[in-house]
PDB file of N, CA and C in Angstrom:
ATOM      1  N   MET A   1      -8.649 -12.248 -19.567  1.00  0.00           N
ATOM      2  CA  MET A   1      -8.309 -12.759 -18.220  1.00  0.00           C
ATOM      3  C   MET A   1      -6.675 -13.367 -18.341  1.00  0.00           C
ATOM      4  N   PRO A   2      -5.934 -12.859 -17.562  1.00  0.00           N
ATOM      5  CA  PRO A   2      -4.605 -13.250 -17.679  1.00  0.00           C
ATOM      6  C   PRO A   2      -4.442 -14.725 -17.071  1.00  0.00           C
ATOM      7  N   ASP A   3      -3.739 -15.372 -17.716  1.00  0.00           N
ATOM      8  CA  ASP A   3      -3.222 -17.006 -17.227  1.00  0.00           C
ATOM      9  C   ASP A   3      -2.799 -16.813 -15.796  1.00  0.00           C
ATOM     10  N   ALA A   4      -3.146 -17.597 -15.043  1.00  0.00           N
ATOM     11  CA  ALA A   4      -2.774 -17.657 -13.527  1.00  0.00           C
ATOM     12  C   ALA A   4      -2.287 -19.289 -13.241  1.00  0.00           C
ATOM     13  N   ILE A   5      -1.458 -18.758 -12.125  1.00  0.00           N
ATOM     14  CA  ILE A   5      -0.955 -20.247 -11.577  1.00  0.00           C
ATOM     15  C   ILE A   5      -0.913 -20.191 -10.207  1.00  0.00           C
ATOM     16  N   SER A   6      -1.537 -21.293  -9.528  1.00  0.00           N
ATOM     17  CA  SER A   6      -1.995 -21.227  -7.956  1.00  0.00           C
ATOM     18  C   SER A   6      -0.919 -22.056  -7.232  1.00  0.00           C
ATOM     19  N   TYR A   7      -0.368 -21.641  -6.257  1.00  0.00           N
ATOM     20  CA  TYR A   7       0.653 -22.447  -5.588  1.00  0.00           C
ATOM     21  C   TYR A   7       0.056 -22.760  -4.211  1.00  0.00           C
ATOM     22  N   SER A   8       0.436 -23.940  -3.931  1.00  0.00           N
ATOM     23  CA  SER A   8      -0.356 -24.179  -2.504  1.00  0.00           C
ATOM     24  C   SER A   8       0.959 -25.037  -1.848  1.00  0.00           C
ATOM     25  N   ARG A   9       0.959 -24.967  -0.553  1.00  0.00           N
ATOM     26  CA  ARG A   9       1.906 -25.765   0.265  1.00  0.00           C
ATOM     27  C   ARG A   9       1.171 -26.733   0.984  1.00  0.00           C
ATOM     28  N   GLY A  10       0.245 -27.204   0.526  1.00  0.00           N
ATOM     29  CA  GLY A  10      -0.390 -28.518   0.803  1.00  0.00           C
ATOM     30  C   GLY A  10       0.083 -29.831   0.898  1.00  0.00           C
ATOM     31  N   ARG A  11      -0.215 -30.624  -0.036  1.00  0.00           N
ATOM     32  CA  ARG A  11       0.709 -31.861  -0.414  1.00  0.00           C
ATOM     33  C   ARG A  11       1.723 -31.621  -1.141  1.00  0.00           C
ATOM     34  N   ARG A  12       2.914 -32.401  -0.781  1.00  0.00           N
ATOM     35  CA  ARG A  12       4.081 -31.972  -1.575  1.00  0.00           C
ATOM     36  C   ARG A  12       4.365 -33.036  -2.857  1.00  0.00           C
ATOM     37  N   SER A  13       4.750 -32.382  -3.816  1.00  0.00           N
ATOM     38  CA  SER A  13       5.493 -33.063  -4.943  1.00  0.00           C
ATOM     39  C   SER A  13       6.872 -33.096  -4.902  1.00  0.00           C
ATOM     40  N   SER A  14       7.560 -33.732  -5.892  1.00  0.00           N
ATOM     41  CA  SER A  14       9.111 -34.059  -5.476  1.00  0.00           C
ATOM     42  C   SER A  14       9.701 -32.570  -5.733  1.00  0.00           C
ATOM     43  N   SER A  15       9.318 -31.559  -6.182  1.00  0.00           N
ATOM     44  CA  SER A  15       9.693 -30.239  -6.295  1.00  0.00           C
ATOM     45  C   SER A  15       9.426 -29.528  -4.889  1.00  0.00           C
ATOM     46  N   GLY A  16       8.624 -30.146  -4.079  1.00  0.00           N
ATOM     47  CA  GLY A  16       8.273 -29.560  -2.670  1.00  0.00           C
ATOM     48  C   GLY A  16       6.704 -28.703  -2.971  1.00  0.00           C
ATOM     49  N   ALA A  17       6.401 -28.734  -3.966  1.00  0.00           N
ATOM     50  CA  ALA A  17       5.221 -27.725  -4.157  1.00  0.00           C
ATOM     51  C   ALA A  17       3.982 -28.703  -4.801  1.00  0.00           C
ATOM     52  N   THR A  18       2.830 -28.114  -4.586  1.00  0.00           N
ATOM     53  CA  THR A  18       1.679 -28.587  -5.080  1.00  0.00           C
ATOM     54  C   THR A  18       1.051 -27.909  -6.093  1.00  0.00           C
ATOM     55  N   TRP A  19       0.766 -28.013  -7.416  1.00  0.00           N
ATOM     56  CA  TRP A  19       0.161 -26.789  -8.397  1.00  0.00           C
ATOM     57  C   TRP A  19      -0.969 -27.196  -8.636  1.00  0.00           C
ATOM     58  N   LYS A  20      -1.930 -26.271  -8.518  1.00  0.00           N
ATOM     59  CA  LYS A  20      -3.494 -26.623  -8.816  1.00  0.00           C
ATOM     60  C   LYS A  20      -3.694 -25.958 -10.206  1.00  0.00           C
ATOM     61  N   ASP A  21      -4.517 -26.910 -10.766  1.00  0.00           N
ATOM     62  CA  ASP A  21      -5.002 -26.150 -12.178  1.00  0.00           C
ATOM     63  C   ASP A  21      -5.984 -25.168 -11.849  1.00  0.00           C
ATOM     64  N   THR A  22      -5.828 -24.280 -12.720  1.00  0.00           N
ATOM     65  CA  THR A  22      -6.623 -22.959 -12.510  1.00  0.00           C
ATOM     66  C   THR A  22      -7.887 -23.000 -13.766  1.00  0.00           C
ATOM     67  N   GLY A  23      -7.710 -24.093 -14.209  1.00  0.00           N
ATOM     68  CA  GLY A  23      -8.709 -24.433 -15.337  1.00  0.00           C
ATOM     69  C   GLY A  23      -8.590 -23.561 -16.551  1.00  0.00           C
ATOM     70  N   HIS A  24      -7.147 -22.892 -16.746  1.00  0.00           N
ATOM     71  CA  HIS A  24      -7.151 -22.171 -18.072  1.00  0.00           C
ATOM     72  C   HIS A  24      -6.825 -23.178 -19.380  1.00  0.00           C
ATOM     73  N   GLY A  25      -6.027 -24.452 -18.764  1.00  0.00           N
ATOM     74  CA  GLY A  25      -5.970 -25.532 -19.690  1.00  0.00           C
ATOM     75  C   GLY A  25      -4.786 -25.403 -20.679  1.00  0.00           C
ATOM     76  N   ASN A  26      -3.949 -24.030 -20.223  1.00  0.00           N
ATOM     77  CA  ASN A  26      -2.648 -23.674 -20.848  1.00  0.00           C
ATOM     78  C   ASN A  26      -1.529 -24.573 -20.527  1.00  0.00           C
ATOM     79  N   GLY A  27      -1.598 -25.461 -19.546  1.00  0.00           N
ATOM     80  CA  GLY A  27      -0.336 -26.377 -19.371  1.00  0.00           C
ATOM     81  C   GLY A  27       0.679 -25.551 -18.155  1.00  0.00           C
ATOM     82  N   LEU A  28       0.500 -24.142 -17.955  1.00  0.00           N
ATOM     83  CA  LEU A  28       1.301 -23.619 -17.050  1.00  0.00           C
ATOM     84  C   LEU A  28       1.087 -23.975 -15.543  1.00  0.00           C
ATOM     85  N   THR A  29       0.290 -24.430 -15.241  1.00  0.00           N
ATOM     86  CA  THR A  29      -0.300 -25.151 -13.987  1.00  0.00           C
ATOM     87  C   THR A  29       0.683 -26.581 -13.418  1.00  0.00           C
ATOM     88  N   SER A  30       1.343 -26.862 -14.442  1.00  0.00           N
ATOM     89  CA  SER A  30       2.181 -28.251 -14.513  1.00  0.00           C
ATOM     90  C   SER A  30       3.388 -28.293 -13.859  1.00  0.00           C
ATOM     91  N   PRO A  31       3.870 -28.905 -12.845  1.00  0.00           N
ATOM     92  CA  PRO A  31       5.303 -28.780 -12.461  1.00  0.00           C
ATOM     93  C   PRO A  31       6.504 -29.132 -13.598  1.00  0.00           C
ATOM     94  N   GLY A  32       6.005 -29.550 -14.475  1.00  0.00           N
ATOM     95  CA  GLY A  32       6.918 -29.774 -15.620  1.00  0.00           C
ATOM     96  C   GLY A  32       6.979 -28.450 -16.610  1.00  0.00           C
ATOM     97  N   HIS A  33       6.256 -27.821 -16.622  1.00  0.00           N
ATOM     98  CA  HIS A  33       6.447 -26.530 -17.751  1.00  0.00           C
ATOM     99  C   HIS A  33       7.824 -25.998 -17.251  1.00  0.00           C
ATOM    100  N   ALA A  34       8.395 -25.488 -18.492  1.00  0.00           N
ATOM    101  CA  ALA A  34       9.458 -24.420 -18.252  1.00  0.00           C
ATOM    102  C   ALA A  34       9.507 -23.229 -17.515  1.00  0.00           C
ATOM    103  N   LEU A  35       8.216 -22.729 -17.627  1.00  0.00           N
ATOM    104  CA  LEU A  35       7.614 -21.199 -16.946  1.00  0.00           C
ATOM    105  C   LEU A  35       8.029 -21.734 -15.324  1.00  0.00           C
ATOM    106  N   VAL A  36       7.062 -22.876 -15.031  1.00  0.00           N
ATOM    107  CA  VAL A  36       7.236 -23.058 -13.712  1.00  0.00           C
ATOM    108  C   VAL A  36       8.572 -23.325 -13.110  1.00  0.00           C
ATOM    109  N   ALA A  37       9.454 -24.250 -13.952  1.00  0.00           N
ATOM    110  CA  ALA A  37      10.575 -24.591 -13.555  1.00  0.00           C
ATOM    111  C   ALA A  37      11.669 -23.245 -13.166  1.00  0.00           C
ATOM    112  N   ALA A  38      11.337 -22.603 -14.081  1.00  0.00           N
ATOM    113  CA  ALA A  38      12.017 -21.192 -14.037  1.00  0.00           C
ATOM    114  C   ALA A  38      12.008 -20.314 -12.863  1.00  0.00           C
ATOM    115  N   PHE A  39      10.578 -20.399 -12.303  1.00  0.00           N
ATOM    116  CA  PHE A  39      10.394 -19.889 -11.074  1.00  0.00           C
ATOM    117  C   PHE A  39      10.890 -20.880  -9.673  1.00  0.00           C
ATOM    118  N   GLN A  40      11.476 -21.666  -9.930  1.00  0.00           N
ATOM    119  CA  GLN A  40      11.674 -22.773  -8.466  1.00  0.00           C
ATOM    120  C   GLN A  40      12.690 -22.058  -7.792  1.00  0.00           C
ATOM    121  N   PRO A  41      13.807 -21.339  -8.504  1.00  0.00           N
ATOM    122  CA  PRO A  41      14.682 -20.561  -7.184  1.00  0.00           C
ATOM    123  C   PRO A  41      13.971 -19.475  -6.403  1.00  0.00           C
ATOM    124  N   LEU A  42      13.056 -19.171  -6.582  1.00  0.00           N
ATOM    125  CA  LEU A  42      12.085 -18.203  -5.881  1.00  0.00           C
ATOM    126  C   LEU A  42      11.036 -18.950  -5.116  1.00  0.00           C
ATOM    127  N   LEU A  43      10.602 -19.993  -5.224  1.00  0.00           N
ATOM    128  CA  LEU A  43       9.477 -20.928  -4.705  1.00  0.00           C
ATOM    129  C   LEU A  43      10.272 -21.940  -3.487  1.00  0.00           C
ATOM    130  N   ALA A  44      11.556 -22.540  -3.937  1.00  0.00           N
ATOM    131  CA  ALA A  44      11.821 -23.769  -3.109  1.00  0.00           C
ATOM    132  C   ALA A  44      12.043 -23.143  -1.744  1.00  0.00           C
ATOM    133  N   GLU A  45      11.489 -24.050  -0.856  1.00  0.00           N
ATOM    134  CA  GLU A  45      11.457 -23.952   0.546  1.00  0.00           C
ATOM    135  C   GLU A  45      12.858 -23.644   1.276  1.00  0.00           C
ATOM    136  N   SER A  46      13.661 -24.283   0.697  1.00  0.00           N
ATOM    137  CA  SER A  46      14.839 -24.487   1.386  1.00  0.00           C
ATOM    138  C   SER A  46      16.274 -24.350   0.244  1.00  0.00           C
ATOM    139  N   GLU A  47      17.310 -23.768   0.791  1.00  0.00           N
ATOM    140  CA  GLU A  47      18.414 -23.745  -0.341  1.00  0.00           C
ATOM    141  C   GLU A  47      18.885 -25.228  -0.500  1.00  0.00           C
ATOM    142  N   SER A  48      18.927 -26.253   0.247  1.00  0.00           N
ATOM    143  CA  SER A  48      19.218 -27.551   0.017  1.00  0.00           C
ATOM    144  C   SER A  48      18.430 -28.438  -0.739  1.00  0.00           C
ATOM    145  N   GLU A  49      16.999 -28.070  -0.791  1.00  0.00           N
ATOM    146  CA  GLU A  49      15.847 -28.474  -1.809  1.00  0.00           C
ATOM    147  C   GLU A  49      16.126 -27.888  -3.076  1.00  0.00           C
ATOM    148  N   LEU A  50      16.832 -26.566  -3.100  1.00  0.00           N
ATOM    149  CA  LEU A  50      16.990 -26.080  -4.428  1.00  0.00           C
ATOM    150  C   LEU A  50      18.346 -26.507  -5.114  1.00  0.00           C
ATOM    151  N   GLU A  51      19.160 -26.860  -4.458  1.00  0.00           N
ATOM    152  CA  GLU A  51      20.705 -27.341  -4.904  1.00  0.00           C
ATOM    153  C   GLU A  51      20.371 -28.819  -5.419  1.00  0.00           C
ATOM    154  N   GLN A  52      19.442 -29.459  -4.725  1.00  0.00           N
ATOM    155  CA  GLN A  52      19.154 -30.905  -4.916  1.00  0.00           C
ATOM    156  C   GLN A  52      18.546 -31.012  -6.463  1.00  0.00           C
ATOM    157  N   ASN A  53      17.649 -30.171  -6.677  1.00  0.00           N
ATOM    158  CA  ASN A  53      16.738 -30.200  -7.822  1.00  0.00           C
ATOM    159  C   ASN A  53      16.925 -29.335  -8.850  1.00  0.00           C
ATOM    160  N   ALA A  54      17.750 -28.481  -8.754  1.00  0.00           N
ATOM    161  CA  ALA A  54      18.406 -27.441  -9.726  1.00  0.00           C
ATOM    162  C   ALA A  54      18.840 -27.808 -11.199  1.00  0.00           C
ATOM    163  N   GLY A  55      19.510 -29.169 -11.052  1.00  0.00           N
ATOM    164  CA  GLY A  55      19.772 -29.703 -12.434  1.00  0.00           C
ATOM    165  C   GLY A  55      18.441 -30.226 -13.105  1.00  0.00           C
ATOM    166  N   GLY A  56      17.426 -30.786 -12.105  1.00  0.00           N
ATOM    167  CA  GLY A  56      16.119 -31.239 -13.249  1.00  0.00           C
ATOM    168  C   GLY A  56      15.493 -29.755 -13.767  1.00  0.00           C
ATOM    169  N   PHE A  57      15.248 -29.106 -12.806  1.00  0.00           N
ATOM    170  CA  PHE A  57      14.519 -27.680 -13.231  1.00  0.00           C
ATOM    171  C   PHE A  57      15.242 -26.991 -14.532  1.00  0.00           C
ATOM    172  N   PHE A  58      16.794 -27.068 -14.496  1.00  0.00           N
ATOM    173  CA  PHE A  58      17.506 -26.563 -15.766  1.00  0.00           C
ATOM    174  C   PHE A  58      17.067 -27.365 -16.945  1.00  0.00           C
ATOM    175  N   HIS A  59      16.958 -28.760 -16.868  1.00  0.00           N
ATOM    176  CA  HIS A  59      16.829 -29.658 -17.656  1.00  0.00           C
ATOM    177  C   HIS A  59      15.614 -29.600 -18.363  1.00  0.00           C
ATOM    178  N   THR A  60      14.360 -29.246 -17.552  1.00  0.00           N
ATOM    179  CA  THR A  60      13.068 -28.845 -17.904  1.00  0.00           C
ATOM    180  C   THR A  60      12.752 -27.790 -18.814  1.00  0.00           C
ATOM    181  N   ILE A  61      13.743 -26.815 -18.486  1.00  0.00           N
ATOM    182  CA  ILE A  61      13.585 -25.321 -19.420  1.00  0.00           C
ATOM    183  C   ILE A  61      14.483 -25.762 -20.545  1.00  0.00           C
ATOM    184  N   LYS A  62      15.423 -26.353 -20.520  1.00  0.00           N
ATOM    185  CA  LYS A  62      16.305 -26.559 -21.798  1.00  0.00           C
ATOM    186  C   LYS A  62      15.743 -27.843 -22.609  1.00  0.00           C
ATOM    187  N   THR A  63      14.888 -28.529 -22.358  1.00  0.00           N
ATOM    188  CA  THR A  63      14.136 -29.338 -22.981  1.00  0.00           C
ATOM    189  C   THR A  63      12.533 -29.169 -23.472  1.00  0.00           C
ATOM    190  N   SER A  64      12.200 -27.893 -23.229  1.00  0.00           N
ATOM    191  CA  SER A  64      11.056 -27.869 -23.386  1.00  0.00           C
ATOM    192  C   SER A  64      10.726 -27.543 -24.759  1.00  0.00           C
ATOM    193  N   LYS A  65       9.467 -27.643 -25.312  1.00  0.00           N
ATOM    194  CA  LYS A  65       9.064 -27.279 -26.699  1.00  0.00           C
ATOM    195  C   LYS A  65       8.746 -25.830 -26.831  1.00  0.00           C
ATOM    196  N   LEU A  66       9.168 -25.024 -26.210  1.00  0.00           N
ATOM    197  CA  LEU A  66       9.176 -23.525 -26.396  1.00  0.00           C
ATOM    198  C   LEU A  66      10.022 -23.151 -27.397  1.00  0.00           C
ATOM    199  N   ASN A  67       9.964 -21.954 -27.923  1.00  0.00           N
ATOM    200  CA  ASN A  67      11.110 -21.823 -29.233  1.00  0.00           C
ATOM    201  C   ASN A  67      12.447 -21.479 -28.499  1.00  0.00           C
ATOM    202  N   ARG A  68      13.426 -21.111 -29.189  1.00  0.00           N
ATOM    203  CA  ARG A  68      14.701 -21.133 -28.599  1.00  0.00           C
ATOM    204  C   ARG A  68      14.923 -19.907 -27.947  1.00  0.00           C
ATOM    205  N   SER A  69      14.474 -18.889 -28.453  1.00  0.00           N
ATOM    206  CA  SER A  69      14.956 -17.362 -27.742  1.00  0.00           C
ATOM    207  C   SER A  69      13.938 -17.428 -26.334  1.00  0.00           C
ATOM    208  N   VAL A  70      12.625 -18.157 -26.410  1.00  0.00           N
ATOM    209  CA  VAL A  70      12.014 -18.176 -25.036  1.00  0.00           C
ATOM    210  C   VAL A  70      12.865 -18.881 -24.302  1.00  0.00           C
ATOM    211  N   LYS A  71      13.268 -20.221 -24.598  1.00  0.00           N
ATOM    212  CA  LYS A  71      14.127 -21.090 -23.609  1.00  0.00           C
ATOM    213  C   LYS A  71      15.327 -20.267 -23.181  1.00  0.00           C
ATOM    214  N   GLU A  72      15.876 -19.644 -24.263  1.00  0.00           N
ATOM    215  CA  GLU A  72      17.114 -18.965 -23.580  1.00  0.00           C
ATOM    216  C   GLU A  72      16.975 -17.971 -22.569  1.00  0.00           C
ATOM    217  N   ALA A  73      15.611 -17.113 -22.738  1.00  0.00           N
ATOM    218  CA  ALA A  73      15.451 -16.163 -21.748  1.00  0.00           C
ATOM    219  C   ALA A  73      15.248 -16.786 -20.564  1.00  0.00           C
ATOM    220  N   LEU A  74      14.472 -17.921 -20.382  1.00  0.00           N
ATOM    221  CA  LEU A  74      13.947 -18.333 -19.245  1.00  0.00           C
ATOM    222  C   LEU A  74      15.330 -19.188 -18.522  1.00  0.00           C
ATOM    223  N   GLU A  75      16.233 -19.551 -19.401  1.00  0.00           N
ATOM    224  CA  GLU A  75      17.598 -20.043 -18.725  1.00  0.00           C
ATOM    225  C   GLU A  75      18.295 -19.093 -18.074  1.00  0.00           C
ATOM    226  N   GLU A  76      18.320 -18.086 -18.711  1.00  0.00           N
ATOM    227  CA  GLU A  76      18.913 -16.707 -17.962  1.00  0.00           C
ATOM    228  C   GLU A  76      18.479 -16.380 -16.873  1.00  0.00           C
ATOM    229  N   VAL A  77      16.905 -16.184 -16.711  1.00  0.00           N
ATOM    230  CA  VAL A  77      16.477 -15.883 -15.701  1.00  0.00           C
ATOM    231  C   VAL A  77      16.559 -16.957 -14.511  1.00  0.00           C
ATOM    232  N   PHE A  78      16.521 -18.001 -14.846  1.00  0.00           N
ATOM    233  CA  PHE A  78      16.564 -19.138 -13.883  1.00  0.00           C
ATOM    234  C   PHE A  78      17.660 -18.960 -13.100  1.00  0.00           C
ATOM    235  N   MET A  79      19.306 -18.740 -14.131  1.00  0.00           N
ATOM    236  CA  MET A  79      20.563 -18.930 -13.582  1.00  0.00           C
ATOM    237  C   MET A  79      20.457 -17.515 -12.903  1.00  0.00           C
ATOM    238  N   SER A  80      20.035 -16.528 -13.093  1.00  0.00           N
ATOM    239  CA  SER A  80      20.187 -15.243 -12.133  1.00  0.00           C
ATOM    240  C   SER A  80      19.323 -15.469 -11.026  1.00  0.00           C
ATOM    241  N   TRP A  81      18.209 -15.972 -11.049  1.00  0.00           N
ATOM    242  CA  TRP A  81      17.425 -16.117  -9.626  1.00  0.00           C
ATOM    243  C   TRP A  81      18.316 -17.247  -8.836  1.00  0.00           C
ATOM    244  N   LEU A  82      18.867 -18.095  -9.490  1.00  0.00           N
ATOM    245  CA  LEU A  82      19.670 -19.091  -8.783  1.00  0.00           C
ATOM    246  C   LEU A  82      20.862 -18.812  -7.855  1.00  0.00           C
ATOM    247  N   GLY A  83      21.508 -17.916  -8.914  1.00  0.00           N
ATOM    248  CA  GLY A  83      22.569 -17.209  -8.335  1.00  0.00           C
ATOM    249  C   GLY A  83      22.276 -16.614  -6.992  1.00  0.00           C
ATOM    250  N   GLN A  84      21.050 -15.616  -7.057  1.00  0.00           N
ATOM    251  CA  GLN A  84      20.496 -14.596  -6.112  1.00  0.00           C
ATOM    252  C   GLN A  84      20.279 -15.503  -4.860  1.00  0.00           C
ATOM    253  N   ARG A  85      19.671 -16.657  -5.139  1.00  0.00           N
ATOM    254  CA  ARG A  85      19.181 -17.441  -4.140  1.00  0.00           C
ATOM    255  C   ARG A  85      20.225 -18.321  -3.384  1.00  0.00           C
ATOM    256  N   LEU A  86      21.397 -18.411  -4.008  1.00  0.00           N
ATOM    257  CA  LEU A  86      22.713 -19.089  -3.462  1.00  0.00           C
ATOM    258  C   LEU A  86      23.603 -18.157  -3.593  1.00  0.00           C
ATOM    259  N   PRO A  87      23.441 -17.007  -2.671  1.00  0.00           N
ATOM    260  CA  PRO A  87      24.725 -15.874  -3.072  1.00  0.00           C
ATOM    261  C   PRO A  87      26.235 -16.542  -2.281  1.00  0.00           C
ATOM    262  N   ASN A  88      26.213 -17.817  -1.636  1.00  0.00           N
ATOM    263  CA  ASN A  88      27.359 -18.027  -0.963  1.00  0.00           C
ATOM    264  C   ASN A  88      28.086 -19.019  -1.922  1.00  0.00           C
ATOM    265  N   ARG A  89      27.548 -19.482  -2.963  1.00  0.00           N
ATOM    266  CA  ARG A  89      27.836 -20.582  -3.983  1.00  0.00           C
ATOM    267  C   ARG A  89      28.763 -20.040  -4.915  1.00  0.00           C
ATOM    268  N   THR A  90      29.781 -20.553  -5.376  1.00  0.00           N
ATOM    269  CA  THR A  90      30.690 -20.006  -6.598  1.00  0.00           C
ATOM    270  C   THR A  90      30.011 -20.516  -7.906  1.00  0.00           C
ATOM    271  N   LYS A  91      30.529 -19.541  -8.973  1.00  0.00           N
ATOM    272  CA  LYS A  91      30.240 -20.187 -10.341  1.00  0.00           C
ATOM    273  C   LYS A  91      30.187 -21.600 -10.632  1.00  0.00           C
ATOM    274  N   GLN A  92      31.451 -21.955  -9.965  1.00  0.00           N
ATOM    275  CA  GLN A  92      31.926 -23.484 -10.245  1.00  0.00           C
ATOM    276  C   GLN A  92      30.727 -24.361  -9.539  1.00  0.00           C
ATOM    277  N   GLU A  93      30.272 -24.165  -8.146  1.00  0.00           N
ATOM    278  CA  GLU A  93      29.624 -24.702  -7.495  1.00  0.00           C
ATOM    279  C   GLU A  93      28.094 -24.954  -7.973  1.00  0.00           C
ATOM    280  N   ILE A  94      27.692 -23.939  -8.735  1.00  0.00           N
ATOM    281  CA  ILE A  94      26.400 -23.897  -9.115  1.00  0.00           C
ATOM    282  C   ILE A  94      26.510 -24.655 -10.665  1.00  0.00           C
ATOM    283  N   GLU A  95      27.604 -24.179 -11.318  1.00  0.00           N
ATOM    284  CA  GLU A  95      27.762 -25.186 -12.548  1.00  0.00           C
ATOM    285  C   GLU A  95      27.545 -26.667 -12.364  1.00  0.00           C
ATOM    286  N   LYS A  96      28.300 -27.313 -10.991  1.00  0.00           N
ATOM    287  CA  LYS A  96      28.125 -28.445 -10.889  1.00  0.00           C
ATOM    288  C   LYS A  96      26.953 -28.962 -10.385  1.00  0.00           C
ATOM    289  N   MET A  97      26.175 -28.308  -9.841  1.00  0.00           N
ATOM    290  CA  MET A  97      24.865 -28.585  -9.534  1.00  0.00           C
ATOM    291  C   MET A  97      24.083 -28.936 -11.138  1.00  0.00           C
ATOM    292  N   LEU A  98      24.242 -28.080 -12.061  1.00  0.00           N
ATOM    293  CA  LEU A  98      23.764 -28.278 -13.231  1.00  0.00           C
ATOM    294  C   LEU A  98      24.043 -29.381 -13.748  1.00  0.00           C
ATOM    295  N   VAL A  99      25.364 -29.813 -13.873  1.00  0.00           N
ATOM    296  CA  VAL A  99      25.942 -30.833 -14.734  1.00  0.00           C
ATOM    297  C   VAL A  99      25.221 -32.220 -14.245  1.00  0.00           C
ATOM    298  N   GLY A 100      24.580 -32.471 -13.169  1.00  0.00           N
ATOM    299  CA  GLY A 100      23.739 -33.563 -12.948  1.00  0.00           C
ATOM    300  C   GLY A 100      22.591 -33.793 -14.007  1.00  0.00           C
ATOM    301  N   GLU A 101      22.225 -32.750 -14.780  1.00  0.00           N
ATOM    302  CA  GLU A 101      21.274 -33.052 -15.631  1.00  0.00           C
ATOM    303  C   GLU A 101      21.770 -33.399 -17.164  1.00  0.00           C
ATOM    304  N   LEU A 102      23.246 -33.627 -17.101  1.00  0.00           N
ATOM    305  CA  LEU A 102      23.851 -33.722 -18.500  1.00  0.00           C
ATOM    306  C   LEU A 102      23.883 -35.337 -18.370  1.00  0.00           C
ATOM    307  N   PRO A 103      23.909 -35.806 -19.473  1.00  0.00           N
ATOM    308  CA  PRO A 103      24.129 -37.277 -20.040  1.00  0.00           C
ATOM    309  C   PRO A 103      25.761 -37.604 -19.353  1.00  0.00           C
ATOM    310  N   GLU A 104      25.997 -38.740 -18.997  1.00  0.00           N
ATOM    311  CA  GLU A 104      27.369 -39.224 -18.586  1.00  0.00           C
ATOM    312  C   GLU A 104      28.151 -39.188 -19.735  1.00  0.00           C
ATOM    313  N   LEU A 105      29.506 -38.594 -19.788  1.00  0.00           N
ATOM    314  CA  LEU A 105      30.396 -38.488 -20.915  1.00  0.00           C
ATOM    315  C   LEU A 105      31.279 -39.725 -20.727  1.00  0.00           C
ATOM    316  N   LEU A 106      31.836 -40.247 -21.940  1.00  0.00           N
ATOM    317  CA  LEU A 106      32.533 -41.642 -21.821  1.00  0.00           C
ATOM    318  C   LEU A 106      34.144 -40.908 -22.037  1.00  0.00           C
TER     319      LEU A 106
END
């Protein structure tokens, strides 16, 4: 049986979604999992919510314990979907959204 992620708009978490445990014990139901973060451009209720949280979602993918090739693929998918969801934003504006997840440079 394939792993499943259940999405509910009932109670709201910081990302605006509540993830229900489907009982598979694989960690994919956690809002902090890189795969869940990669799907946020498709799941966010509004563009403003997505813009506000994009850096955190990208950080979740980038710092996950997945192997490098999987993380790179998820980063690429996330960026593609982010660009499709925010078609009126320039590349520089999207980069600026993601800079928030970087440490402050001295």
